[in-house]
PDB file of N, CA and C in Angstrom:
ATOM      1  N   MET A   1     185.345  33.490-119.821  1.00  0.00           N
ATOM      2  CA  MET A   1     185.453  34.819-119.261  1.00  0.00           C
ATOM      3  C   MET A   1     184.995  34.800-117.803  1.00  0.00           C
ATOM      4  N   LEU A   2     185.657  35.588-116.999  1.00  0.00           N
ATOM      5  CA  LEU A   2     185.316  35.685-115.585  1.00  0.00           C
ATOM      6  C   LEU A   2     184.848  37.089-115.252  1.00  0.00           C
ATOM      7  N   LEU A   3     183.928  37.183-114.333  1.00  0.00           N
ATOM      8  CA  LEU A   3     183.460  38.469-113.842  1.00  0.00           C
ATOM      9  C   LEU A   3     184.218  38.785-112.558  1.00  0.00           C
ATOM     10  N   LYS A   4     184.932  39.888-112.552  1.00  0.00           N
ATOM     11  CA  LYS A   4     185.675  40.348-111.371  1.00  0.00           C
ATOM     12  C   LYS A   4     185.035  41.634-110.868  1.00  0.00           C
ATOM     13  N   THR A   5     185.261  41.940-109.589  1.00  0.00           N
ATOM     14  CA  THR A   5     184.648  43.130-109.005  1.00  0.00           C
ATOM     15  C   THR A   5     185.685  44.152-108.562  1.00  0.00           C
ATOM     16  N   ARG A   6     185.294  45.403-108.643  1.00  0.00           N
ATOM     17  CA  ARG A   6     186.108  46.505-108.125  1.00  0.00           C
ATOM     18  C   ARG A   6     185.512  47.054-106.824  1.00  0.00           C
ATOM     19  N   VAL A   7     184.473  46.402-106.336  1.00  0.00           N
ATOM     20  CA  VAL A   7     183.766  46.847-105.138  1.00  0.00           C
ATOM     21  C   VAL A   7     184.728  47.024-103.972  1.00  0.00           C
ATOM     22  N   PHE A   8     185.667  46.091-103.818  1.00  0.00           N
ATOM     23  CA  PHE A   8     186.573  46.146-102.674  1.00  0.00           C
ATOM     24  C   PHE A   8     187.598  47.271-102.800  1.00  0.00           C
ATOM     25  N   ASP A   9     187.900  47.684-104.013  1.00  0.00           N
ATOM     26  CA  ASP A   9     188.786  48.835-104.214  1.00  0.00           C
ATOM     27  C   ASP A   9     188.061  50.141-103.901  1.00  0.00           C
ATOM     28  N   ILE A  10     186.778  50.194-104.224  1.00  0.00           N
ATOM     29  CA  ILE A  10     185.980  51.404-104.065  1.00  0.00           C
ATOM     30  C   ILE A  10     185.495  51.591-102.625  1.00  0.00           C
ATOM     31  N   CYS A  11     185.280  50.525-101.908  1.00  0.00           N
ATOM     32  CA  CYS A  11     184.585  50.585-100.616  1.00  0.00           C
ATOM     33  C   CYS A  11     185.391  51.245 -99.498  1.00  0.00           C
ATOM     34  N   TYR A  12     186.697  51.322 -99.603  1.00  0.00           N
ATOM     35  CA  TYR A  12     187.505  51.775 -98.471  1.00  0.00           C
ATOM     36  C   TYR A  12     187.244  53.209 -98.052  1.00  0.00           C
ATOM     37  N   GLY A  13     186.869  54.075 -98.911  1.00  0.00           N
ATOM     38  CA  GLY A  13     186.545  55.442 -98.519  1.00  0.00           C
ATOM     39  C   GLY A  13     185.134  55.593 -97.985  1.00  0.00           C
ATOM     40  N   ARG A  14     184.282  54.661 -98.317  1.00  0.00           N
ATOM     41  CA  ARG A  14     182.871  54.768 -97.990  1.00  0.00           C
ATOM     42  C   ARG A  14     182.452  53.908 -96.805  1.00  0.00           C
ATOM     43  N   TYR A  15     183.017  52.703 -96.680  1.00  0.00           N
ATOM     44  CA  TYR A  15     182.649  51.772 -95.612  1.00  0.00           C
ATOM     45  C   TYR A  15     183.894  51.429 -94.795  1.00  0.00           C
ATOM     46  N   GLN A  16     183.723  51.315 -93.474  1.00  0.00           N
ATOM     47  CA  GLN A  16     184.869  51.085 -92.599  1.00  0.00           C
ATOM     48  C   GLN A  16     185.346  49.639 -92.598  1.00  0.00           C
ATOM     49  N   ASN A  17     184.450  48.703 -92.845  1.00  0.00           N
ATOM     50  CA  ASN A  17     184.832  47.289 -92.826  1.00  0.00           C
ATOM     51  C   ASN A  17     183.858  46.478 -93.672  1.00  0.00           C
ATOM     52  N   LEU A  18     184.126  45.184 -93.761  1.00  0.00           N
ATOM     53  CA  LEU A  18     183.279  44.312 -94.582  1.00  0.00           C
ATOM     54  C   LEU A  18     181.872  44.170 -94.019  1.00  0.00           C
ATOM     55  N   SER A  19     181.737  44.298 -92.711  1.00  0.00           N
ATOM     56  CA  SER A  19     180.399  44.208 -92.102  1.00  0.00           C
ATOM     57  C   SER A  19     179.511  45.350 -92.581  1.00  0.00           C
ATOM     58  N   GLU A  20     180.051  46.562 -92.601  1.00  0.00           N
ATOM     59  CA  GLU A  20     179.274  47.711 -93.087  1.00  0.00           C
ATOM     60  C   GLU A  20     178.951  47.554 -94.565  1.00  0.00           C
ATOM     61  N   LEU A  21     179.924  47.080 -95.339  1.00  0.00           N
ATOM     62  CA  LEU A  21     179.695  46.865 -96.768  1.00  0.00           C
ATOM     63  C   LEU A  21     178.601  45.823 -96.976  1.00  0.00           C
ATOM     64  N   ALA A  22     178.664  44.732 -96.250  1.00  0.00           N
ATOM     65  CA  ALA A  22     177.657  43.676 -96.384  1.00  0.00           C
ATOM     66  C   ALA A  22     176.270  44.186 -96.004  1.00  0.00           C
ATOM     67  N   ARG A  23     176.202  44.976 -94.944  1.00  0.00           N
ATOM     68  CA  ARG A  23     174.910  45.538 -94.507  1.00  0.00           C
ATOM     69  C   ARG A  23     174.343  46.434 -95.609  1.00  0.00           C
ATOM     70  N   ALA A  24     175.199  47.260 -96.219  1.00  0.00           N
ATOM     71  CA  ALA A  24     174.735  48.156 -97.287  1.00  0.00           C
ATOM     72  C   ALA A  24     174.314  47.373 -98.529  1.00  0.00           C
ATOM     73  N   MET A  25     174.972  46.232 -98.762  1.00  0.00           N
ATOM     74  CA  MET A  25     174.646  45.406 -99.923  1.00  0.00           C
ATOM     75  C   MET A  25     173.436  44.519 -99.669  1.00  0.00           C
ATOM     76  N   GLY A  26     173.088  44.315 -98.393  1.00  0.00           N
ATOM     77  CA  GLY A  26     171.960  43.455 -98.062  1.00  0.00           C
ATOM     78  C   GLY A  26     172.294  41.983 -98.167  1.00  0.00           C
ATOM     79  N   ILE A  27     173.571  41.622 -97.988  1.00  0.00           N
ATOM     80  CA  ILE A  27     173.982  40.213 -98.032  1.00  0.00           C
ATOM     81  C   ILE A  27     174.821  39.906 -96.797  1.00  0.00           C
ATOM     82  N   SER A  28     175.158  38.655 -96.605  1.00  0.00           N
ATOM     83  CA  SER A  28     175.916  38.261 -95.412  1.00  0.00           C
ATOM     84  C   SER A  28     177.385  38.656 -95.538  1.00  0.00           C
ATOM     85  N   VAL A  29     177.999  38.854 -94.394  1.00  0.00           N
ATOM     86  CA  VAL A  29     179.428  39.180 -94.348  1.00  0.00           C
ATOM     87  C   VAL A  29     180.239  38.021 -94.921  1.00  0.00           C
ATOM     88  N   SER A  30     179.808  36.799 -94.644  1.00  0.00           N
ATOM     89  CA  SER A  30     180.558  35.640 -95.147  1.00  0.00           C
ATOM     90  C   SER A  30     180.556  35.588 -96.669  1.00  0.00           C
ATOM     91  N   GLN A  31     179.451  35.979 -97.297  1.00  0.00           N
ATOM     92  CA  GLN A  31     179.419  35.991 -98.762  1.00  0.00           C
ATOM     93  C   GLN A  31     180.370  37.054 -99.299  1.00  0.00           C
ATOM     94  N   VAL A  32     180.366  38.223 -98.699  1.00  0.00           N
ATOM     95  CA  VAL A  32     181.274  39.296 -99.128  1.00  0.00           C
ATOM     96  C   VAL A  32     182.719  38.836 -98.956  1.00  0.00           C
ATOM     97  N   TYR A  33     183.026  38.244 -97.818  1.00  0.00           N
ATOM     98  CA  TYR A  33     184.384  37.784 -97.540  1.00  0.00           C
ATOM     99  C   TYR A  33     184.809  36.705 -98.539  1.00  0.00           C
ATOM    100  N   ARG A  34     183.929  35.760 -98.815  1.00  0.00           N
ATOM    101  CA  ARG A  34     184.273  34.671 -99.738  1.00  0.00           C
ATOM    102  C   ARG A  34     184.487  35.177-101.165  1.00  0.00           C
ATOM    103  N   VAL A  35     183.696  36.146-101.586  1.00  0.00           N
ATOM    104  CA  VAL A  35     183.899  36.724-102.917  1.00  0.00           C
ATOM    105  C   VAL A  35     185.246  37.445-102.951  1.00  0.00           C
ATOM    106  N   ARG A  36     185.549  38.191-101.905  1.00  0.00           N
ATOM    107  CA  ARG A  36     186.824  38.923-101.858  1.00  0.00           C
ATOM    108  C   ARG A  36     188.011  37.968-101.898  1.00  0.00           C
ATOM    109  N   GLU A  37     187.894  36.836-101.211  1.00  0.00           N
ATOM    110  CA  GLU A  37     188.989  35.857-101.158  1.00  0.00           C
ATOM    111  C   GLU A  37     189.028  34.948-102.393  1.00  0.00           C
ATOM    112  N   GLY A  38     188.024  35.052-103.265  1.00  0.00           N
ATOM    113  CA  GLY A  38     187.986  34.225-104.464  1.00  0.00           C
ATOM    114  C   GLY A  38     187.456  32.822-104.221  1.00  0.00           C
ATOM    115  N   ARG A  39     186.864  32.584-103.061  1.00  0.00           N
ATOM    116  CA  ARG A  39     186.316  31.265-102.754  1.00  0.00           C
ATOM    117  C   ARG A  39     184.866  31.133-103.191  1.00  0.00           C
ATOM    118  N   ARG A  40     184.284  32.218-103.647  1.00  0.00           N
ATOM    119  CA  ARG A  40     182.903  32.185-104.126  1.00  0.00           C
ATOM    120  C   ARG A  40     182.810  33.105-105.337  1.00  0.00           C
ATOM    121  N   GLY A  41     182.046  32.684-106.312  1.00  0.00           N
ATOM    122  CA  GLY A  41     181.875  33.497-107.508  1.00  0.00           C
ATOM    123  C   GLY A  41     180.888  34.636-107.283  1.00  0.00           C
ATOM    124  N   ILE A  42     180.894  35.560-108.195  1.00  0.00           N
ATOM    125  CA  ILE A  42     179.972  36.693-108.136  1.00  0.00           C
ATOM    126  C   ILE A  42     178.644  36.243-108.736  1.00  0.00           C
ATOM    127  N   ASN A  43     177.582  36.370-107.952  1.00  0.00           N
ATOM    128  CA  ASN A  43     176.267  35.954-108.424  1.00  0.00           C
ATOM    129  C   ASN A  43     175.331  37.166-108.497  1.00  0.00           C
ATOM    130  N   GLN A  44     174.093  36.916-108.856  1.00  0.00           N
ATOM    131  CA  GLN A  44     173.106  37.977-109.031  1.00  0.00           C
ATOM    132  C   GLN A  44     172.897  38.768-107.743  1.00  0.00           C
ATOM    133  N   THR A  45     172.855  38.087-106.605  1.00  0.00           N
ATOM    134  CA  THR A  45     172.661  38.759-105.315  1.00  0.00           C
ATOM    135  C   THR A  45     173.794  39.734-105.029  1.00  0.00           C
ATOM    136  N   PHE A  46     175.024  39.315-105.328  1.00  0.00           N
ATOM    137  CA  PHE A  46     176.174  40.189-105.093  1.00  0.00           C
ATOM    138  C   PHE A  46     176.118  41.411-106.019  1.00  0.00           C
ATOM    139  N   ILE A  47     175.765  41.201-107.263  1.00  0.00           N
ATOM    140  CA  ILE A  47     175.682  42.320-108.226  1.00  0.00           C
ATOM    141  C   ILE A  47     174.618  43.322-107.794  1.00  0.00           C
ATOM    142  N   ILE A  48     173.435  42.837-107.432  1.00  0.00           N
ATOM    143  CA  ILE A  48     172.352  43.726-106.986  1.00  0.00           C
ATOM    144  C   ILE A  48     172.775  44.463-105.720  1.00  0.00           C
ATOM    145  N   GLY A  49     173.424  43.758-104.801  1.00  0.00           N
ATOM    146  CA  GLY A  49     173.912  44.385-103.581  1.00  0.00           C
ATOM    147  C   GLY A  49     174.948  45.462-103.846  1.00  0.00           C
ATOM    148  N   ALA A  50     175.829  45.229-104.801  1.00  0.00           N
ATOM    149  CA  ALA A  50     176.845  46.224-105.144  1.00  0.00           C
ATOM    150  C   ALA A  50     176.204  47.476-105.721  1.00  0.00           C
ATOM    151  N   ILE A  51     175.203  47.302-106.557  1.00  0.00           N
ATOM    152  CA  ILE A  51     174.491  48.449-107.125  1.00  0.00           C
ATOM    153  C   ILE A  51     173.772  49.219-106.016  1.00  0.00           C
ATOM    154  N   ARG A  52     173.228  48.503-105.057  1.00  0.00           N
ATOM    155  CA  ARG A  52     172.545  49.126-103.923  1.00  0.00           C
ATOM    156  C   ARG A  52     173.542  49.897-103.036  1.00  0.00           C
ATOM    157  N   ALA A  53     174.715  49.339-102.805  1.00  0.00           N
ATOM    158  CA  ALA A  53     175.705  49.956-101.917  1.00  0.00           C
ATOM    159  C   ALA A  53     176.442  51.119-102.580  1.00  0.00           C
ATOM    160  N   PHE A  54     176.489  51.130-103.912  1.00  0.00           N
ATOM    161  CA  PHE A  54     177.193  52.185-104.654  1.00  0.00           C
ATOM    162  C   PHE A  54     176.271  52.760-105.728  1.00  0.00           C
ATOM    163  N   PRO A  55     175.238  53.511-105.320  1.00  0.00           N
ATOM    164  CA  PRO A  55     174.227  53.972-106.282  1.00  0.00           C
ATOM    165  C   PRO A  55     174.768  54.951-107.324  1.00  0.00           C
ATOM    166  N   GLY A  56     175.841  55.631-107.047  1.00  0.00           N
ATOM    167  CA  GLY A  56     176.371  56.606-108.008  1.00  0.00           C
ATOM    168  C   GLY A  56     177.286  56.004-109.060  1.00  0.00           C
ATOM    169  N   TYR A  57     177.536  54.719-108.975  1.00  0.00           N
ATOM    170  CA  TYR A  57     178.463  54.062-109.896  1.00  0.00           C
ATOM    171  C   TYR A  57     177.717  53.274-110.958  1.00  0.00           C
ATOM    172  N   LYS A  58     178.316  53.213-112.151  1.00  0.00           N
ATOM    173  CA  LYS A  58     177.772  52.393-113.227  1.00  0.00           C
ATOM    174  C   LYS A  58     178.247  50.956-113.045  1.00  0.00           C
ATOM    175  N   LEU A  59     177.600  50.043-113.699  1.00  0.00           N
ATOM    176  CA  LEU A  59     177.952  48.631-113.626  1.00  0.00           C
ATOM    177  C   LEU A  59     179.407  48.408-114.070  1.00  0.00           C
ATOM    178  N   ASP A  60     179.830  49.143-115.095  1.00  0.00           N
ATOM    179  CA  ASP A  60     181.217  49.026-115.575  1.00  0.00           C
ATOM    180  C   ASP A  60     182.236  49.509-114.546  1.00  0.00           C
ATOM    181  N   ASP A  61     181.807  50.414-113.652  1.00  0.00           N
ATOM    182  CA  ASP A  61     182.698  50.879-112.591  1.00  0.00           C
ATOM    183  C   ASP A  61     182.852  49.831-111.494  1.00  0.00           C
ATOM    184  N   LEU A  62     181.835  49.018-111.306  1.00  0.00           N
ATOM    185  CA  LEU A  62     181.819  48.037-110.223  1.00  0.00           C
ATOM    186  C   LEU A  62     182.358  46.665-110.625  1.00  0.00           C
ATOM    187  N   PHE A  63     182.266  46.334-111.913  1.00  0.00           N
ATOM    188  CA  PHE A  63     182.654  44.998-112.373  1.00  0.00           C
ATOM    189  C   PHE A  63     183.428  45.088-113.681  1.00  0.00           C
ATOM    190  N   ARG A  64     184.242  44.063-113.910  1.00  0.00           N
ATOM    191  CA  ARG A  64     184.979  43.967-115.178  1.00  0.00           C
ATOM    192  C   ARG A  64     185.029  42.499-115.599  1.00  0.00           C
ATOM    193  N   ILE A  65     185.170  42.277-116.874  1.00  0.00           N
ATOM    194  CA  ILE A  65     185.266  40.928-117.418  1.00  0.00           C
ATOM    195  C   ILE A  65     186.714  40.693-117.816  1.00  0.00           C
ATOM    196  N   VAL A  66     187.259  39.566-117.354  1.00  0.00           N
ATOM    197  CA  VAL A  66     188.650  39.224-117.658  1.00  0.00           C
ATOM    198  C   VAL A  66     188.690  37.836-118.283  1.00  0.00           C
ATOM    199  N   PRO A  67     189.687  37.580-119.130  1.00  0.00           N
ATOM    200  CA  PRO A  67     189.800  36.233-119.703  1.00  0.00           C
ATOM    201  C   PRO A  67     190.142  35.221-118.614  1.00  0.00           C
ATOM    202  N   GLU A  68     189.650  34.034-118.779  1.00  0.00           N
ATOM    203  CA  GLU A  68     189.872  32.979-117.790  1.00  0.00           C
ATOM    204  C   GLU A  68     191.262  32.400-117.982  1.00  0.00           C
ATOM    205  N   SER A  69     192.008  32.276-116.893  1.00  0.00           N
ATOM    206  CA  SER A  69     193.342  31.681-116.960  1.00  0.00           C
ATOM    207  C   SER A  69     193.214  30.172-116.931  1.00  0.00           C
ATOM    208  N   PRO A  70     194.243  29.476-117.428  1.00  0.00           N
ATOM    209  CA  PRO A  70     194.161  28.018-117.405  1.00  0.00           C
ATOM    210  C   PRO A  70     193.993  27.511-115.973  1.00  0.00           C
ATOM    211  N   SER A  71     193.152  26.574-115.825  1.00  0.00           N
ATOM    212  CA  SER A  71     192.886  26.019-114.499  1.00  0.00           C
ATOM    213  C   SER A  71     194.085  25.234-114.002  1.00  0.00           C
ATOM    214  N   LYS A  72     194.247  25.189-112.679  1.00  0.00           N
ATOM    215  CA  LYS A  72     195.332  24.406-112.096  1.00  0.00           C
ATOM    216  C   LYS A  72     195.165  22.942-112.439  1.00  0.00           C
ATOM    217  N   ASN A  73     193.924  22.487-112.555  1.00  0.00           N
ATOM    218  CA  ASN A  73     193.685  21.084-112.884  1.00  0.00           C
ATOM    219  C   ASN A  73     194.165  20.756-114.295  1.00  0.00           C
ATOM    220  N   VAL A  74     193.966  21.701-115.232  1.00  0.00           N
ATOM    221  CA  VAL A  74     194.428  21.480-116.604  1.00  0.00           C
ATOM    222  C   VAL A  74     195.945  21.406-116.610  1.00  0.00           C
ATOM    223  N   LEU A  75     196.602  22.312-115.910  1.00  0.00           N
ATOM    224  CA  LEU A  75     198.056  22.318-115.842  1.00  0.00           C
ATOM    225  C   LEU A  75     198.555  21.029-115.196  1.00  0.00           C
ATOM    226  N   ARG A  76     197.924  20.630-114.099  1.00  0.00           N
ATOM    227  CA  ARG A  76     198.311  19.402-113.413  1.00  0.00           C
ATOM    228  C   ARG A  76     198.129  18.206-114.341  1.00  0.00           C
ATOM    229  N   THR A  77     197.058  18.180-115.126  1.00  0.00           N
ATOM    230  CA  THR A  77     196.818  17.087-116.063  1.00  0.00           C
ATOM    231  C   THR A  77     197.914  17.031-117.107  1.00  0.00           C
ATOM    232  N   ASN A  78     198.320  18.198-117.648  1.00  0.00           N
ATOM    233  CA  ASN A  78     199.382  18.228-118.640  1.00  0.00           C
ATOM    234  C   ASN A  78     200.694  17.717-118.059  1.00  0.00           C
ATOM    235  N   VAL A  79     200.991  18.090-116.828  1.00  0.00           N
ATOM    236  CA  VAL A  79     202.208  17.618-116.173  1.00  0.00           C
ATOM    237  C   VAL A  79     202.140  16.114-115.972  1.00  0.00           C
ATOM    238  N   ASN A  80     200.990  15.607-115.533  1.00  0.00           N
ATOM    239  CA  ASN A  80     200.845  14.162-115.332  1.00  0.00           C
ATOM    240  C   ASN A  80     200.998  13.391-116.637  1.00  0.00           C
ATOM    241  N   ILE A  81     200.459  13.913-117.724  1.00  0.00           N
ATOM    242  CA  ILE A  81     200.585  13.247-119.023  1.00  0.00           C
ATOM    243  C   ILE A  81     202.059  13.178-119.420  1.00  0.00           C
ATOM    244  N   ARG A  82     202.774  14.288-119.249  1.00  0.00           N
ATOM    245  CA  ARG A  82     204.202  14.335-119.583  1.00  0.00           C
ATOM    246  C   ARG A  82     204.987  13.367-118.693  1.00  0.00           C
ATOM    247  N   HIS A  83     204.683  13.365-117.416  1.00  0.00           N
ATOM    248  CA  HIS A  83     205.359  12.469-116.476  1.00  0.00           C
ATOM    249  C   HIS A  83     205.149  11.017-116.876  1.00  0.00           C
ATOM    250  N   ASN A  84     203.909  10.655-117.161  1.00  0.00           N
ATOM    251  CA  ASN A  84     203.613   9.276-117.551  1.00  0.00           C
ATOM    252  C   ASN A  84     204.338   8.881-118.835  1.00  0.00           C
ATOM    253  N   TYR A  85     204.431   9.820-119.789  1.00  0.00           N
ATOM    254  CA  TYR A  85     205.142   9.558-121.040  1.00  0.00           C
ATOM    255  C   TYR A  85     206.616   9.273-120.761  1.00  0.00           C
ATOM    256  N   LEU A  86     207.230  10.104-119.913  1.00  0.00           N
ATOM    257  CA  LEU A  86     208.646   9.925-119.616  1.00  0.00           C
ATOM    258  C   LEU A  86     208.895   8.627-118.853  1.00  0.00           C
ATOM    259  N   VAL A  87     208.016   8.296-117.923  1.00  0.00           N
ATOM    260  CA  VAL A  87     208.176   7.045-117.177  1.00  0.00           C
ATOM    261  C   VAL A  87     208.098   5.858-118.130  1.00  0.00           C
ATOM    262  N   GLN A  88     207.132   5.878-119.036  1.00  0.00           N
ATOM    263  CA  GLN A  88     206.993   4.773-119.982  1.00  0.00           C
ATOM    264  C   GLN A  88     208.199   4.686-120.913  1.00  0.00           C
ATOM    265  N   LYS A  89     208.661   5.840-121.374  1.00  0.00           N
ATOM    266  CA  LYS A  89     209.789   5.872-122.310  1.00  0.00           C
ATOM    267  C   LYS A  89     211.050   5.321-121.663  1.00  0.00           C
ATOM    268  N   TYR A  90     211.362   5.785-120.477  1.00  0.00           N
ATOM    269  CA  TYR A  90     212.621   5.406-119.854  1.00  0.00           C
ATOM    270  C   TYR A  90     212.540   4.113-119.050  1.00  0.00           C
ATOM    271  N   SER A  91     211.370   3.613-118.779  1.00  0.00           N
ATOM    272  CA  SER A  91     211.277   2.330-118.077  1.00  0.00           C
ATOM    273  C   SER A  91     211.556   1.176-119.031  1.00  0.00           C
ATOM    274  N   ARG A  92     211.570   1.435-120.317  1.00  0.00           N
ATOM    275  CA  ARG A  92     211.897   0.404-121.307  1.00  0.00           C
ATOM    276  C   ARG A  92     213.400   0.176-121.396  1.00  0.00           C
ATOM    277  N   LEU A  93     214.206   1.111-120.901  1.00  0.00           N
ATOM    278  CA  LEU A  93     215.652   0.974-120.969  1.00  0.00           C
ATOM    279  C   LEU A  93     216.118  -0.118-120.019  1.00  0.00           C
ATOM    280  N   SER A  94     217.103  -0.835-120.435  1.00  0.00           N
ATOM    281  CA  SER A  94     217.675  -1.859-119.565  1.00  0.00           C
ATOM    282  C   SER A  94     218.679  -1.190-118.640  1.00  0.00           C
ATOM    283  N   LEU A  95     218.498  -1.385-117.350  1.00  0.00           N
ATOM    284  CA  LEU A  95     219.400  -0.787-116.385  1.00  0.00           C
ATOM    285  C   LEU A  95     220.458  -1.785-115.931  1.00  0.00           C
ATOM    286  N   ARG A  96     220.420  -2.990-116.466  1.00  0.00           N
ATOM    287  CA  ARG A  96     221.440  -3.984-116.134  1.00  0.00           C
ATOM    288  C   ARG A  96     222.721  -3.673-116.882  1.00  0.00           C
ATOM    289  N   GLN A  97     223.813  -3.970-116.238  1.00  0.00           N
ATOM    290  CA  GLN A  97     225.105  -3.786-116.883  1.00  0.00           C
ATOM    291  C   GLN A  97     225.486  -5.105-117.560  1.00  0.00           C
ATOM    292  N   GLU A  98     225.670  -5.031-118.870  1.00  0.00           N
ATOM    293  CA  GLU A  98     226.045  -6.222-119.629  1.00  0.00           C
ATOM    294  C   GLU A  98     227.547  -6.455-119.449  1.00  0.00           C
ATOM    295  N   PRO A  99     227.984  -7.695-119.559  1.00  0.00           N
ATOM    296  CA  PRO A  99     229.421  -7.982-119.434  1.00  0.00           C
ATOM    297  C   PRO A  99     230.224  -7.193-120.461  1.00  0.00           C
ATOM    298  N   GLY A 100     231.300  -6.571-120.005  1.00  0.00           N
ATOM    299  CA  GLY A 100     232.173  -5.806-120.892  1.00  0.00           C
ATOM    300  C   GLY A 100     231.792  -4.340-121.022  1.00  0.00           C
ATOM    301  N   GLU A 101     230.625  -3.940-120.516  1.00  0.00           N
ATOM    302  CA  GLU A 101     230.213  -2.535-120.583  1.00  0.00           C
ATOM    303  C   GLU A 101     230.789  -1.763-119.401  1.00  0.00           C
ATOM    304  N   LYS A 102     231.066  -0.488-119.636  1.00  0.00           N
ATOM    305  CA  LYS A 102     231.539   0.370-118.547  1.00  0.00           C
ATOM    306  C   LYS A 102     230.346   0.803-117.704  1.00  0.00           C
ATOM    307  N   GLU A 103     230.615   1.003-116.416  1.00  0.00           N
ATOM    308  CA  GLU A 103     229.560   1.485-115.520  1.00  0.00           C
ATOM    309  C   GLU A 103     229.440   2.995-115.674  1.00  0.00           C
ATOM    310  N   ILE A 104     228.245   3.462-115.840  1.00  0.00           N
ATOM    311  CA  ILE A 104     227.977   4.893-115.993  1.00  0.00           C
ATOM    312  C   ILE A 104     227.247   5.367-114.743  1.00  0.00           C
ATOM    313  N   ARG A 105     227.670   6.497-114.222  1.00  0.00           N
ATOM    314  CA  ARG A 105     226.993   7.083-113.062  1.00  0.00           C
ATOM    315  C   ARG A 105     226.382   8.416-113.469  1.00  0.00           C
ATOM    316  N   VAL A 106     225.205   8.659-112.941  1.00  0.00           N
ATOM    317  CA  VAL A 106     224.521   9.932-113.184  1.00  0.00           C
ATOM    318  C   VAL A 106     224.451  10.648-111.851  1.00  0.00           C
ATOM    319  N   GLY A 107     224.995  11.870-111.810  1.00  0.00           N
ATOM    320  CA  GLY A 107     225.033  12.642-110.576  1.00  0.00           C
ATOM    321  C   GLY A 107     223.683  13.267-110.243  1.00  0.00           C
ATOM    322  N   VAL A 108     223.612  13.855-109.080  1.00  0.00           N
ATOM    323  CA  VAL A 108     222.388  14.473-108.599  1.00  0.00           C
ATOM    324  C   VAL A 108     221.950  15.603-109.529  1.00  0.00           C
ATOM    325  N   ARG A 109     222.892  16.312-110.088  1.00  0.00           N
ATOM    326  CA  ARG A 109     222.558  17.454-110.966  1.00  0.00           C
ATOM    327  C   ARG A 109     222.447  17.037-112.430  1.00  0.00           C
ATOM    328  N   GLY A 110     222.488  15.741-112.681  1.00  0.00           N
ATOM    329  CA  GLY A 110     222.304  15.254-114.047  1.00  0.00           C
ATOM    330  C   GLY A 110     223.603  15.052-114.798  1.00  0.00           C
ATOM    331  N   GLU A 111     224.757  15.280-114.175  1.00  0.00           N
ATOM    332  CA  GLU A 111     226.019  15.097-114.869  1.00  0.00           C
ATOM    333  C   GLU A 111     226.290  13.603-115.026  1.00  0.00           C
ATOM    334  N   ILE A 112     226.853  13.244-116.169  1.00  0.00           N
ATOM    335  CA  ILE A 112     227.092  11.840-116.481  1.00  0.00           C
ATOM    336  C   ILE A 112     228.598  11.623-116.527  1.00  0.00           C
ATOM    337  N   GLY A 113     229.037  10.510-115.928  1.00  0.00           N
ATOM    338  CA  GLY A 113     230.466  10.191-115.940  1.00  0.00           C
ATOM    339  C   GLY A 113     230.676   8.714-115.783  1.00  0.00           C
ATOM    340  N   GLU A 114     231.903   8.276-116.037  1.00  0.00           N
ATOM    341  CA  GLU A 114     232.247   6.865-115.877  1.00  0.00           C
ATOM    342  C   GLU A 114     232.594   6.597-114.427  1.00  0.00           C
ATOM    343  N   ALA A 115     232.303   5.390-113.984  1.00  0.00           N
ATOM    344  CA  ALA A 115     232.587   5.014-112.598  1.00  0.00           C
ATOM    345  C   ALA A 115     234.046   4.696-112.420  1.00  0.00           C
TER     346      ALA A 115
END
């Protein structure tokens, strides 16, 4: 599960920019920016700062829990496993033309035909 924030949706009527929001939260602008861009996770300092900057809001109004999506690394690993399987499977095929066999050509789009 991931913790996501609604702080950036709520802040536009109350704060003019990220600098004002960061000042109200008592944290650095770079931390606010990194959380907004998804380059940094939400930590205790950010949560306390959000409560400080939005005193009239409940915790549920400021944050939500969402299911974690599959990581790009997991997807990349699955693709690599499949790729390696296909390479091993098809590298066992003989690509030499035996005497008396017809030449087969495979087109760019995968179409197969005789030469």
